[in-house]
Amino acid sequence: MSSEEEFQQLSNVAMAYLDCPILGLCFGFQSMAKYYGSEIESGEEKCGRFDLDEHDESFWMFSGKEMKGLSFCFHDYPTTAPKGFKTICSIDGKIAGIANENKSRY
């Protein structure tokens, strides 16, 4: 079993059993999206400073914050938001943030 498969299994356990808010960053974001039903696509790696293409200004994480010149490095991303989740931001046309308030998953 590869390290990625092992990490995905651990992430699946966390999603299934933890009864607390979870903020998935980097691989955690990808594995959360995958656990809840999204396909993960790989593309050209992009690193640098980006402005969010779109973001939900009413979402608590973005409220009152400037969303320009953010440092990101990404190449794997969900193709769609999982069922029950909404896309809260995108970078370069790719989903960069999802949320499900009922599950407290971000």
C-alpha atoms as a PDB file:
ATOM      1  CA  MET A   1       0.000   0.000   0.000  1.00  0.00           C
ATOM      2  CA  SER A   2       1.345   3.428  -0.934  1.00  0.00           C
ATOM      3  CA  SER A   3       1.765   6.286   1.515  1.00  0.00           C
ATOM      4  CA  GLU A   4      -1.033   8.176  -0.276  1.00  0.00           C
ATOM      5  CA  GLU A   5      -3.407   5.230   0.189  1.00  0.00           C
ATOM      6  CA  GLU A   6      -2.467   5.006   3.883  1.00  0.00           C
ATOM      7  CA  PHE A   7      -3.062   8.743   4.367  1.00  0.00           C
ATOM      8  CA  GLN A   8      -6.421   8.464   2.574  1.00  0.00           C
ATOM      9  CA  GLN A   9      -7.444   5.627   4.907  1.00  0.00           C
ATOM     10  CA  LEU A  10      -6.510   7.704   7.965  1.00  0.00           C
ATOM     11  CA  SER A  11      -8.440  10.659   6.564  1.00  0.00           C
ATOM     12  CA  ASN A  12     -11.469   8.429   5.980  1.00  0.00           C
ATOM     13  CA  VAL A  13     -11.389   7.336   9.621  1.00  0.00           C
ATOM     14  CA  ALA A  14     -11.237  10.980  10.741  1.00  0.00           C
ATOM     15  CA  MET A  15     -14.198  11.940   8.538  1.00  0.00           C
ATOM     16  CA  ALA A  16     -16.240   8.980   9.759  1.00  0.00           C
ATOM     17  CA  TYR A  17     -15.594   9.230  13.498  1.00  0.00           C
ATOM     18  CA  LEU A  18     -14.579  12.743  14.537  1.00  0.00           C
ATOM     19  CA  ASP A  19     -17.516  14.746  15.823  1.00  0.00           C
ATOM     20  CA  CYS A  20     -15.905  18.170  15.632  1.00  0.00           C
ATOM     21  CA  PRO A  21     -15.258  20.825  12.988  1.00  0.00           C
ATOM     22  CA  ILE A  22     -12.575  19.825  10.485  1.00  0.00           C
ATOM     23  CA  LEU A  23     -10.574  22.246   8.337  1.00  0.00           C
ATOM     24  CA  GLY A  24      -8.825  20.345   5.553  1.00  0.00           C
ATOM     25  CA  LEU A  25      -5.722  21.983   4.116  1.00  0.00           C
ATOM     26  CA  CYS A  26      -3.683  20.745   1.162  1.00  0.00           C
ATOM     27  CA  PHE A  27      -3.948  16.911   1.128  1.00  0.00           C
ATOM     28  CA  GLY A  28      -6.571  17.165   3.885  1.00  0.00           C
ATOM     29  CA  PHE A  29      -8.766  19.265   1.580  1.00  0.00           C
ATOM     30  CA  GLN A  30      -8.327  16.819  -1.305  1.00  0.00           C
ATOM     31  CA  SER A  31      -8.948  13.732   0.828  1.00  0.00           C
ATOM     32  CA  MET A  32     -12.035  15.305   2.459  1.00  0.00           C
ATOM     33  CA  ALA A  33     -13.485  16.135  -0.961  1.00  0.00           C
ATOM     34  CA  LYS A  34     -12.726  12.588  -2.132  1.00  0.00           C
ATOM     35  CA  TYR A  35     -14.253  11.011   0.991  1.00  0.00           C
ATOM     36  CA  TYR A  36     -17.507  12.895   0.425  1.00  0.00           C
ATOM     37  CA  GLY A  37     -17.700  11.930  -3.260  1.00  0.00           C
ATOM     38  CA  SER A  38     -15.626  14.248  -5.452  1.00  0.00           C
ATOM     39  CA  GLU A  39     -13.198  13.097  -8.077  1.00  0.00           C
ATOM     40  CA  ILE A  40      -9.704  14.555  -7.696  1.00  0.00           C
ATOM     41  CA  GLU A  41      -7.983  15.744 -10.837  1.00  0.00           C
ATOM     42  CA  SER A  42      -4.289  16.407 -11.310  1.00  0.00           C
ATOM     43  CA  GLY A  43      -2.972  19.201 -13.461  1.00  0.00           C
ATOM     44  CA  GLU A  44       0.100  21.298 -13.966  1.00  0.00           C
ATOM     45  CA  GLU A  45       1.588  22.446 -10.663  1.00  0.00           C
ATOM     46  CA  LYS A  46       1.011  26.135 -10.076  1.00  0.00           C
ATOM     47  CA  CYS A  47       2.847  27.997  -7.359  1.00  0.00           C
ATOM     48  CA  GLY A  48       2.878  31.664  -6.554  1.00  0.00           C
ATOM     49  CA  ARG A  49       0.676  34.490  -5.417  1.00  0.00           C
ATOM     50  CA  PHE A  50      -2.921  34.338  -6.576  1.00  0.00           C
ATOM     51  CA  ASP A  51      -6.110  36.310  -6.192  1.00  0.00           C
ATOM     52  CA  LEU A  52      -9.217  34.246  -5.570  1.00  0.00           C
ATOM     53  CA  ASP A  53     -11.279  34.166  -8.790  1.00  0.00           C
ATOM     54  CA  GLU A  54     -14.442  33.994  -6.753  1.00  0.00           C
ATOM     55  CA  HIS A  55     -15.200  33.692  -3.070  1.00  0.00           C
ATOM     56  CA  ASP A  56     -18.290  33.770  -0.899  1.00  0.00           C
ATOM     57  CA  GLU A  57     -17.847  37.108   0.870  1.00  0.00           C
ATOM     58  CA  SER A  58     -20.584  36.203   3.354  1.00  0.00           C
ATOM     59  CA  PHE A  59     -18.714  33.080   4.503  1.00  0.00           C
ATOM     60  CA  TRP A  60     -17.208  33.556   7.983  1.00  0.00           C
ATOM     61  CA  MET A  61     -13.719  32.572   6.887  1.00  0.00           C
ATOM     62  CA  PHE A  62     -13.549  35.445   4.383  1.00  0.00           C
ATOM     63  CA  SER A  63     -15.497  38.125   6.206  1.00  0.00           C
ATOM     64  CA  GLY A  64     -13.585  41.408   6.268  1.00  0.00           C
ATOM     65  CA  LYS A  65     -10.444  39.938   4.692  1.00  0.00           C
ATOM     66  CA  GLU A  66      -8.611  40.921   1.513  1.00  0.00           C
ATOM     67  CA  MET A  67      -8.419  37.887  -0.777  1.00  0.00           C
ATOM     68  CA  LYS A  68      -5.631  39.054  -3.082  1.00  0.00           C
ATOM     69  CA  GLY A  69      -2.002  38.001  -3.400  1.00  0.00           C
ATOM     70  CA  LEU A  70      -2.460  34.727  -1.506  1.00  0.00           C
ATOM     71  CA  SER A  71       0.415  32.229  -1.598  1.00  0.00           C
ATOM     72  CA  PHE A  72      -0.644  28.871  -3.003  1.00  0.00           C
ATOM     73  CA  CYS A  73       0.940  25.843  -4.588  1.00  0.00           C
ATOM     74  CA  PHE A  74      -1.475  23.328  -6.086  1.00  0.00           C
ATOM     75  CA  HIS A  75      -1.898  20.697  -8.765  1.00  0.00           C
ATOM     76  CA  ASP A  76      -4.554  18.326  -7.352  1.00  0.00           C
ATOM     77  CA  TYR A  77      -8.083  19.624  -6.875  1.00  0.00           C
ATOM     78  CA  PRO A  78     -11.684  18.377  -6.728  1.00  0.00           C
ATOM     79  CA  THR A  79     -13.561  18.519 -10.032  1.00  0.00           C
ATOM     80  CA  THR A  80     -16.849  19.382  -8.268  1.00  0.00           C
ATOM     81  CA  ALA A  81     -17.972  20.156  -4.738  1.00  0.00           C
ATOM     82  CA  PRO A  82     -19.236  16.999  -3.013  1.00  0.00           C
ATOM     83  CA  LYS A  83     -22.988  16.584  -2.546  1.00  0.00           C
ATOM     84  CA  GLY A  84     -24.122  18.759   0.367  1.00  0.00           C
ATOM     85  CA  PHE A  85     -21.072  21.034   0.089  1.00  0.00           C
ATOM     86  CA  LYS A  86     -20.821  24.407  -1.579  1.00  0.00           C
ATOM     87  CA  THR A  87     -17.818  25.864  -3.344  1.00  0.00           C
ATOM     88  CA  ILE A  88     -16.678  28.843  -1.279  1.00  0.00           C
ATOM     89  CA  CYS A  89     -13.704  29.908  -3.410  1.00  0.00           C
ATOM     90  CA  SER A  90     -11.770  29.177  -6.554  1.00  0.00           C
ATOM     91  CA  ILE A  91      -8.301  29.960  -7.875  1.00  0.00           C
ATOM     92  CA  ASP A  92      -7.419  29.945 -11.553  1.00  0.00           C
ATOM     93  CA  GLY A  93     -10.771  28.301 -12.302  1.00  0.00           C
ATOM     94  CA  LYS A  94     -10.133  25.418  -9.869  1.00  0.00           C
ATOM     95  CA  ILE A  95     -12.078  24.688  -6.684  1.00  0.00           C
ATOM     96  CA  ALA A  96      -9.933  25.901  -3.780  1.00  0.00           C
ATOM     97  CA  GLY A  97     -12.431  25.775  -0.911  1.00  0.00           C
ATOM     98  CA  ILE A  98     -15.615  23.906  -0.014  1.00  0.00           C
ATOM     99  CA  ALA A  99     -17.911  23.998   2.998  1.00  0.00           C
ATOM    100  CA  ASN A 100     -20.686  21.985   4.584  1.00  0.00           C
ATOM    101  CA  GLU A 101     -21.965  23.915   7.590  1.00  0.00           C
ATOM    102  CA  ASN A 102     -24.172  21.021   8.803  1.00  0.00           C
ATOM    103  CA  LYS A 103     -21.179  18.689   9.027  1.00  0.00           C
ATOM    104  CA  SER A 104     -18.733  21.462  10.118  1.00  0.00           C
ATOM    105  CA  ARG A 105     -16.365  20.458   7.333  1.00  0.00           C
ATOM    106  CA  TYR A 106     -14.331  23.094   5.518  1.00  0.00           C
END
